[in-house]
Amino acid sequence: MAKGHRSQIKRERNAKRDTRPSAKLSYARVSVQKACFVLDAIRGKDVTTALGILEYNPRYASGLVKKLLESAIANAENNNGMNRDNLYIAECYANKGPTMKRVRPRAQGRAYRIEKRMSHITVVLDERREER
């Protein structure tokens, strides 16, 4: 087949696919900035430590991220056959989602815009290699 053939390009693209277990929450009703405060606290930590941090973090986003992390752990155990004790958070990030625009009535017939922001939160896990 020719190098630029569509099937050849698709085959190469699928070969490079990321096989690490992950979970994604789309359209979370929390702004990216507020979600990043929570994500920065757990980035790079092992999953048991991260779950402990999220359990006692008072922020609203920590409940969402905790549920998302538990889903990623379940994906790692069931789909990839990984051991829970060796898992750590390789990547976690929040991307900007759509913004709901609302109107708030103000004095003298004016109207202020309220922007209710959303985000797409992603957690990617990986397995630590044992040193011998």
C-alpha atoms as a PDB file:
ATOM      1  CA  MET A   1       0.000   0.000   0.000  1.00  0.00           C
ATOM      2  CA  ALA A   2       1.061   3.567  -0.592  1.00  0.00           C
ATOM      3  CA  LYS A   3       2.538   5.411   2.380  1.00  0.00           C
ATOM      4  CA  GLY A   4      -0.171   8.070   2.390  1.00  0.00           C
ATOM      5  CA  HIS A   5      -3.066   5.631   2.066  1.00  0.00           C
ATOM      6  CA  ARG A   6      -5.927   6.197   4.505  1.00  0.00           C
ATOM      7  CA  SER A   7      -5.762   2.710   6.058  1.00  0.00           C
ATOM      8  CA  GLN A   8      -1.990   3.025   6.551  1.00  0.00           C
ATOM      9  CA  ILE A   9      -2.405   6.369   8.313  1.00  0.00           C
ATOM     10  CA  LYS A  10      -5.149   4.977  10.572  1.00  0.00           C
ATOM     11  CA  ARG A  11      -3.043   1.923  11.437  1.00  0.00           C
ATOM     12  CA  GLU A  12      -0.096   4.117  12.484  1.00  0.00           C
ATOM     13  CA  ARG A  13      -2.336   6.426  14.513  1.00  0.00           C
ATOM     14  CA  ASN A  14      -3.936   3.513  16.402  1.00  0.00           C
ATOM     15  CA  ALA A  15      -0.523   1.989  17.158  1.00  0.00           C
ATOM     16  CA  LYS A  16       0.474   5.130  19.083  1.00  0.00           C
ATOM     17  CA  ARG A  17      -2.666   5.128  21.269  1.00  0.00           C
ATOM     18  CA  ASP A  18      -2.246   5.687  25.017  1.00  0.00           C
ATOM     19  CA  THR A  19      -3.020   2.470  26.930  1.00  0.00           C
ATOM     20  CA  ARG A  20      -2.892   3.946  30.439  1.00  0.00           C
ATOM     21  CA  PRO A  21      -6.136   3.676  32.413  1.00  0.00           C
ATOM     22  CA  SER A  22      -8.067   6.916  32.679  1.00  0.00           C
ATOM     23  CA  ALA A  23     -11.438   8.440  33.457  1.00  0.00           C
ATOM     24  CA  LYS A  24     -12.998  11.640  32.179  1.00  0.00           C
ATOM     25  CA  LEU A  25     -15.816  13.756  33.553  1.00  0.00           C
ATOM     26  CA  SER A  26     -17.346  16.021  30.935  1.00  0.00           C
ATOM     27  CA  TYR A  27     -19.457  19.104  31.633  1.00  0.00           C
ATOM     28  CA  ALA A  28     -18.636  19.280  35.354  1.00  0.00           C
ATOM     29  CA  ARG A  29     -20.354  22.328  36.874  1.00  0.00           C
ATOM     30  CA  VAL A  30     -17.167  23.766  38.330  1.00  0.00           C
ATOM     31  CA  SER A  31     -14.777  26.278  36.789  1.00  0.00           C
ATOM     32  CA  VAL A  32     -11.363  25.172  35.552  1.00  0.00           C
ATOM     33  CA  GLN A  33      -9.561  27.354  38.106  1.00  0.00           C
ATOM     34  CA  LYS A  34     -11.435  25.827  41.049  1.00  0.00           C
ATOM     35  CA  ALA A  35     -10.938  22.274  39.744  1.00  0.00           C
ATOM     36  CA  CYS A  36      -7.196  22.884  39.293  1.00  0.00           C
ATOM     37  CA  PHE A  37      -6.760  23.726  42.994  1.00  0.00           C
ATOM     38  CA  VAL A  38      -7.858  20.176  43.814  1.00  0.00           C
ATOM     39  CA  LEU A  39      -5.983  18.534  40.922  1.00  0.00           C
ATOM     40  CA  ASP A  40      -2.705  20.233  41.858  1.00  0.00           C
ATOM     41  CA  ALA A  41      -2.954  18.731  45.358  1.00  0.00           C
ATOM     42  CA  ILE A  42      -3.075  15.127  44.098  1.00  0.00           C
ATOM     43  CA  ARG A  43      -0.904  15.203  40.958  1.00  0.00           C
ATOM     44  CA  GLY A  44       1.910  12.610  41.109  1.00  0.00           C
ATOM     45  CA  LYS A  45       0.688  10.983  44.341  1.00  0.00           C
ATOM     46  CA  ASP A  46      -0.211   7.319  44.750  1.00  0.00           C
ATOM     47  CA  VAL A  47      -3.934   6.581  44.696  1.00  0.00           C
ATOM     48  CA  THR A  48      -4.414   5.788  48.401  1.00  0.00           C
ATOM     49  CA  THR A  49      -2.775   9.086  49.421  1.00  0.00           C
ATOM     50  CA  ALA A  50      -4.786  10.970  46.806  1.00  0.00           C
ATOM     51  CA  LEU A  51      -8.069   9.461  48.025  1.00  0.00           C
ATOM     52  CA  GLY A  52      -7.172  10.501  51.586  1.00  0.00           C
ATOM     53  CA  ILE A  53      -6.449  14.068  50.459  1.00  0.00           C
ATOM     54  CA  LEU A  54      -9.719  14.264  48.524  1.00  0.00           C
ATOM     55  CA  GLU A  55     -11.738  12.833  51.419  1.00  0.00           C
ATOM     56  CA  TYR A  56     -10.838  15.725  53.742  1.00  0.00           C
ATOM     57  CA  ASN A  57     -10.555  18.540  51.211  1.00  0.00           C
ATOM     58  CA  PRO A  58     -13.477  20.950  51.810  1.00  0.00           C
ATOM     59  CA  ARG A  59     -13.759  22.138  48.194  1.00  0.00           C
ATOM     60  CA  TYR A  60     -16.760  21.178  46.042  1.00  0.00           C
ATOM     61  CA  ALA A  61     -14.526  19.921  43.210  1.00  0.00           C
ATOM     62  CA  SER A  62     -12.856  17.372  45.509  1.00  0.00           C
ATOM     63  CA  GLY A  63     -16.049  15.286  45.612  1.00  0.00           C
ATOM     64  CA  LEU A  64     -16.176  15.202  41.812  1.00  0.00           C
ATOM     65  CA  VAL A  65     -12.482  14.345  41.484  1.00  0.00           C
ATOM     66  CA  LYS A  66     -12.730  11.635  44.178  1.00  0.00           C
ATOM     67  CA  LYS A  67     -15.522   9.889  42.288  1.00  0.00           C
ATOM     68  CA  LEU A  68     -13.551  10.253  39.050  1.00  0.00           C
ATOM     69  CA  LEU A  69     -10.391   8.810  40.633  1.00  0.00           C
ATOM     70  CA  GLU A  70     -12.322   5.806  41.971  1.00  0.00           C
ATOM     71  CA  SER A  71     -13.637   5.211  38.450  1.00  0.00           C
ATOM     72  CA  ALA A  72     -10.107   5.365  37.001  1.00  0.00           C
ATOM     73  CA  ILE A  73      -8.894   2.884  39.651  1.00  0.00           C
ATOM     74  CA  ALA A  74     -11.735   0.510  38.742  1.00  0.00           C
ATOM     75  CA  ASN A  75     -10.819   0.839  35.047  1.00  0.00           C
ATOM     76  CA  ALA A  76      -7.190  -0.010  35.853  1.00  0.00           C
ATOM     77  CA  GLU A  77      -8.118  -3.097  37.875  1.00  0.00           C
ATOM     78  CA  ASN A  78     -10.858  -4.479  35.609  1.00  0.00           C
ATOM     79  CA  ASN A  79      -9.724  -3.501  32.110  1.00  0.00           C
ATOM     80  CA  ASN A  80      -5.930  -3.502  32.437  1.00  0.00           C
ATOM     81  CA  GLY A  81      -5.446  -6.009  35.281  1.00  0.00           C
ATOM     82  CA  MET A  82      -3.228  -3.623  37.271  1.00  0.00           C
ATOM     83  CA  ASN A  83      -2.512  -3.859  40.991  1.00  0.00           C
ATOM     84  CA  ARG A  84      -4.125  -1.046  43.022  1.00  0.00           C
ATOM     85  CA  ASP A  85      -1.092  -0.751  45.336  1.00  0.00           C
ATOM     86  CA  ASN A  86       1.243   0.236  42.468  1.00  0.00           C
ATOM     87  CA  LEU A  87      -1.008   2.869  40.877  1.00  0.00           C
ATOM     88  CA  TYR A  88      -0.236   6.578  40.923  1.00  0.00           C
ATOM     89  CA  ILE A  89      -1.709   9.654  39.240  1.00  0.00           C
ATOM     90  CA  ALA A  90       0.393  10.232  36.128  1.00  0.00           C
ATOM     91  CA  GLU A  91      -1.700  13.103  34.747  1.00  0.00           C
ATOM     92  CA  CYS A  92      -4.710  15.079  35.875  1.00  0.00           C
ATOM     93  CA  TYR A  93      -5.999  18.191  34.220  1.00  0.00           C
ATOM     94  CA  ALA A  94      -9.127  20.255  33.642  1.00  0.00           C
ATOM     95  CA  ASN A  95     -10.039  21.713  30.264  1.00  0.00           C
ATOM     96  CA  LYS A  96     -12.514  24.495  29.636  1.00  0.00           C
ATOM     97  CA  GLY A  97     -16.054  23.431  28.791  1.00  0.00           C
ATOM     98  CA  PRO A  98     -19.003  25.466  27.543  1.00  0.00           C
ATOM     99  CA  THR A  99     -20.260  28.424  29.551  1.00  0.00           C
ATOM    100  CA  MET A 100     -23.926  28.874  30.467  1.00  0.00           C
ATOM    101  CA  LYS A 101     -24.893  32.522  30.191  1.00  0.00           C
ATOM    102  CA  ARG A 102     -27.523  33.885  32.545  1.00  0.00           C
ATOM    103  CA  VAL A 103     -28.887  37.380  33.182  1.00  0.00           C
ATOM    104  CA  ARG A 104     -29.157  39.045  36.593  1.00  0.00           C
ATOM    105  CA  PRO A 105     -31.479  42.025  36.897  1.00  0.00           C
ATOM    106  CA  ARG A 106     -29.873  45.114  38.426  1.00  0.00           C
ATOM    107  CA  ALA A 107     -30.974  48.597  39.415  1.00  0.00           C
ATOM    108  CA  GLN A 108     -32.517  51.078  36.969  1.00  0.00           C
ATOM    109  CA  GLY A 109     -33.435  48.444  34.377  1.00  0.00           C
ATOM    110  CA  ARG A 110     -29.935  47.215  33.765  1.00  0.00           C
ATOM    111  CA  ALA A 111     -28.951  43.571  33.392  1.00  0.00           C
ATOM    112  CA  TYR A 112     -25.615  41.989  34.301  1.00  0.00           C
ATOM    113  CA  ARG A 113     -24.421  38.789  32.696  1.00  0.00           C
ATOM    114  CA  ILE A 114     -23.596  35.802  34.906  1.00  0.00           C
ATOM    115  CA  GLU A 115     -21.349  33.147  33.404  1.00  0.00           C
ATOM    116  CA  LYS A 116     -21.709  29.659  34.867  1.00  0.00           C
ATOM    117  CA  ARG A 117     -18.566  27.894  33.755  1.00  0.00           C
ATOM    118  CA  MET A 118     -18.078  24.187  33.095  1.00  0.00           C
ATOM    119  CA  SER A 119     -14.998  22.023  32.741  1.00  0.00           C
ATOM    120  CA  HIS A 120     -13.910  18.645  31.439  1.00  0.00           C
ATOM    121  CA  ILE A 121     -11.781  16.886  34.099  1.00  0.00           C
ATOM    122  CA  THR A 122      -9.443  14.013  33.171  1.00  0.00           C
ATOM    123  CA  VAL A 123      -7.452  11.678  35.456  1.00  0.00           C
ATOM    124  CA  VAL A 124      -4.810   9.340  33.980  1.00  0.00           C
ATOM    125  CA  LEU A 125      -3.202   6.626  36.118  1.00  0.00           C
ATOM    126  CA  ASP A 126      -0.045   4.606  35.622  1.00  0.00           C
ATOM    127  CA  GLU A 127       1.751   1.784  37.406  1.00  0.00           C
ATOM    128  CA  ARG A 128       4.970   2.372  39.329  1.00  0.00           C
ATOM    129  CA  ARG A 129       7.841   0.093  38.382  1.00  0.00           C
ATOM    130  CA  GLU A 130       9.441  -1.764  41.296  1.00  0.00           C
ATOM    131  CA  GLU A 131      13.150  -1.089  41.787  1.00  0.00           C
ATOM    132  CA  ARG A 132      15.280  -4.133  42.584  1.00  0.00           C
END
